[in-house]
Protein backbone atom coordinates (compact mmCIF):
# COMPACT_ATOMS: atom_id res chain seq x y z
CA MET A 1 91.54 -60.38 69.01
CA ARG A 2 93.72 -62.92 70.33
CA SER A 3 95.64 -63.13 73.43
CA SER A 4 99.10 -63.87 73.85
CA ASP A 5 98.36 -67.89 74.83
CA GLY A 6 96.21 -67.73 71.20
CA ARG A 7 92.29 -67.67 73.07
CA ARG A 8 90.00 -65.35 71.53
CA GLY A 9 88.89 -62.01 73.61
CA VAL A 10 85.92 -60.41 73.68
CA GLU A 11 85.49 -56.82 72.97
CA PHE A 12 82.56 -54.41 74.59
CA GLU A 13 81.17 -51.66 73.03
CA GLY A 14 78.24 -49.35 74.15
CA VAL A 15 76.13 -48.17 71.09
CA GLU A 16 74.43 -45.12 71.85
CA VAL A 17 70.82 -44.73 70.22
CA SER A 18 68.67 -41.42 70.63
CA VAL A 19 64.82 -41.80 70.14
CA PRO A 20 63.72 -38.65 68.17
CA GLU A 21 60.82 -36.68 69.57
CA GLY A 22 57.67 -38.23 69.40
CA HIS A 23 58.86 -41.69 68.45
CA GLN A 24 59.24 -44.93 70.36
CA LEU A 25 61.93 -47.46 69.74
CA ILE A 26 61.35 -51.46 70.36
CA LEU A 27 64.73 -53.25 70.02
CA GLY A 28 65.15 -57.03 70.29
CA GLN A 29 66.40 -60.22 69.19
CA SER A 30 64.81 -63.01 66.87
CA HIS A 31 66.00 -65.91 64.94
CA PHE A 32 65.02 -66.12 61.11
CA ILE A 33 65.08 -64.19 58.13
CA LYS A 34 61.06 -63.75 57.89
CA SER A 35 60.97 -61.98 61.33
CA VAL A 36 60.61 -58.55 59.08
CA GLU A 37 57.47 -59.79 57.45
CA ASP A 38 56.16 -61.15 59.83
CA ILE A 39 56.84 -58.71 62.61
CA TYR A 40 55.44 -55.85 59.87
CA GLU A 41 51.95 -58.23 59.63
CA ALA A 42 52.05 -57.79 63.82
CA LEU A 43 52.15 -54.24 64.18
CA VAL A 44 50.03 -53.36 61.02
CA THR A 45 47.50 -55.98 62.70
CA SER A 46 47.84 -54.50 65.86
CA MET A 47 46.49 -50.94 65.28
CA PRO A 48 45.02 -49.26 62.00
CA GLY A 49 47.08 -46.82 60.78
CA ILE A 50 50.08 -47.43 62.57
CA ARG A 51 53.47 -45.75 61.61
CA PHE A 52 56.44 -47.85 61.81
CA GLY A 53 59.81 -49.13 60.59
CA VAL A 54 61.10 -52.54 61.06
CA ALA A 55 64.74 -53.47 60.80
CA PHE A 56 66.47 -56.73 61.25
CA CYS A 57 70.25 -57.75 61.00
CA GLU A 58 70.73 -60.95 59.44
CA ALA A 59 73.43 -63.22 61.29
CA SER A 60 74.26 -65.46 57.90
CA GLY A 61 74.29 -65.54 54.50
CA LYS A 62 73.91 -62.36 52.76
CA SER A 63 74.05 -60.63 56.04
CA LEU A 64 72.35 -57.72 55.17
CA VAL A 65 70.39 -55.05 57.24
CA ARG A 66 66.62 -56.53 55.85
CA SER A 67 63.42 -53.44 56.49
CA ASP A 68 60.08 -52.89 56.12
CA GLY A 69 57.33 -50.41 57.28
CA SER A 70 54.67 -48.04 56.45
CA ASP A 71 57.09 -44.83 57.29
CA PRO A 72 59.62 -44.15 55.12
CA GLY A 73 61.47 -41.93 58.38
CA CYS A 74 60.83 -44.66 60.27
CA VAL A 75 61.95 -47.36 58.24
CA ARG A 76 65.44 -44.88 57.74
CA LEU A 77 65.77 -44.58 61.72
CA ALA A 78 65.42 -48.34 62.16
CA VAL A 79 68.13 -49.02 59.64
CA GLU A 80 70.38 -46.76 60.92
CA CYS A 81 69.75 -48.06 64.13
CA ALA A 82 70.07 -51.57 63.24
CA SER A 83 73.93 -50.75 61.25
CA ARG A 84 75.16 -49.13 63.87
CA VAL A 85 74.10 -51.94 66.32
CA ALA A 86 75.76 -54.88 63.57
CA ALA A 87 74.61 -57.34 65.89
CA GLY A 88 73.26 -60.46 64.35
CA HIS A 89 69.62 -61.65 64.49
CA VAL A 90 68.82 -57.90 66.50
CA PHE A 91 65.79 -56.12 65.51
CA VAL A 92 64.49 -52.71 65.76
CA VAL A 93 61.28 -51.07 65.44
CA PHE A 94 60.72 -47.15 65.32
CA LEU A 95 57.27 -46.12 66.25
CA SER A 96 55.71 -42.71 65.04
CA GLY A 97 52.72 -41.40 67.13
CA SER A 98 51.98 -44.63 68.98
CA PHE A 99 53.32 -46.32 71.99
CA PRO A 100 54.92 -49.91 72.22
CA ILE A 101 51.93 -50.95 75.15
CA ASN A 102 49.88 -50.66 71.91
CA VAL A 103 51.92 -53.43 70.23
CA LEU A 104 54.53 -54.99 72.30
CA ASN A 105 52.53 -57.71 73.32
CA ARG A 106 52.21 -58.87 69.22
CA VAL A 107 55.58 -58.36 68.73
CA LYS A 108 56.58 -60.41 71.82
CA GLN A 109 54.27 -63.50 69.92
CA VAL A 110 55.91 -63.45 67.08
CA GLU A 111 56.96 -67.27 66.86
CA GLU A 112 60.52 -65.66 65.80
CA VAL A 113 61.23 -63.22 68.61
CA ALA A 114 63.44 -64.61 71.28
CA GLN A 115 63.50 -61.65 73.40
CA VAL A 116 62.65 -57.95 73.59
CA PHE A 117 65.65 -55.51 75.34
CA CYS A 118 63.42 -52.39 75.40
CA ALA A 119 60.31 -50.59 74.50
CA THR A 120 61.14 -46.91 75.24
CA ALA A 121 61.46 -42.92 74.41
CA ASN A 122 64.72 -42.61 76.14
CA PRO A 123 67.79 -42.68 75.05
CA VAL A 124 69.37 -46.13 75.17
CA THR A 125 72.77 -47.50 74.94
CA VAL A 126 72.82 -51.10 73.55
CA VAL A 127 75.61 -53.07 75.15
CA VAL A 128 77.71 -54.89 72.32
CA ALA A 129 79.75 -57.57 72.88
CA ASP A 130 82.23 -58.33 69.64
CA SER A 131 84.23 -61.74 68.92
CA GLY A 132 85.98 -60.70 65.89
CA LYS A 133 83.60 -63.26 64.08
CA GLY A 134 80.09 -61.51 64.90
CA ARG A 135 78.39 -59.45 67.61
CA GLY A 136 75.91 -60.13 70.29
CA VAL A 137 73.48 -57.69 72.27
CA LEU A 138 74.60 -57.98 76.03
CA GLY A 139 71.34 -55.75 76.99
CA VAL A 140 70.66 -52.00 77.31
CA ILE A 141 71.09 -49.37 79.61
CA ASP A 142 67.18 -47.54 79.41
CA GLY A 143 67.27 -43.78 80.52
CA GLY A 144 68.97 -42.48 83.38
CA TYR A 145 69.59 -42.89 87.03
CA PRO A 146 66.42 -42.96 89.76
CA LYS A 147 66.16 -39.28 91.43
CA GLY A 148 64.56 -40.16 94.57
CA GLU A 149 61.46 -42.06 95.74
CA GLU A 150 58.06 -41.27 94.54
CA GLY A 151 55.94 -38.95 96.97
CA PRO A 152 52.66 -38.40 97.43
CA GLU A 153 52.26 -35.47 94.94
CA ASP A 154 54.42 -37.83 91.64
CA ARG A 155 51.96 -40.20 92.93
CA ALA A 156 48.88 -37.74 91.94
CA GLU A 157 51.07 -36.23 89.07
CA ARG A 158 51.29 -40.09 87.89
CA ARG A 159 47.59 -41.14 88.11
CA ASP A 160 46.70 -37.69 86.61
CA LEU A 161 48.88 -38.22 83.74
CA LEU A 162 47.35 -42.19 82.84
CA ARG A 163 43.97 -40.90 82.88
CA LYS A 164 45.30 -37.88 80.96
CA ILE A 165 46.54 -40.07 77.88
CA GLY A 166 43.66 -42.53 78.15
CA TYR A 167 45.40 -45.76 79.90
CA LYS A 168 43.31 -45.38 82.64
CA ARG A 169 39.78 -44.60 83.76
């Protein structure tokens, strides 16, 4: 990946991530191997019985995808996603039967968490840069294009939905 003048180039890639029905994705960046255990603890202490999997891409040493979780299916999803993104210090959480709003602040409060790129059930494109020595996440494309402006019926539908699922009284 060197140009004719010897400078190193960077290649960009979009890694497609689909989120299975009934699941939610949290994707972020952390800075230390203990992230897997600390994110695990943040999640299990946020909600009794939460079902999740977490995976973390180690950026040095053995450079393994580390993982843990309370649900083997979610752990497998997190490991597969982290392995495809393959960028140092990235973590992936898959939730089943709960929403990121229930745990997101706890995840962001984990000491090693540097940033959260997204928390969603939408298909995501993870924008990755590859320097030839390593990979890093530049950001994400979460979902699709806006289709218009919210009108009175849409506003009422939004408000009703939030009350139906218990987030507003």
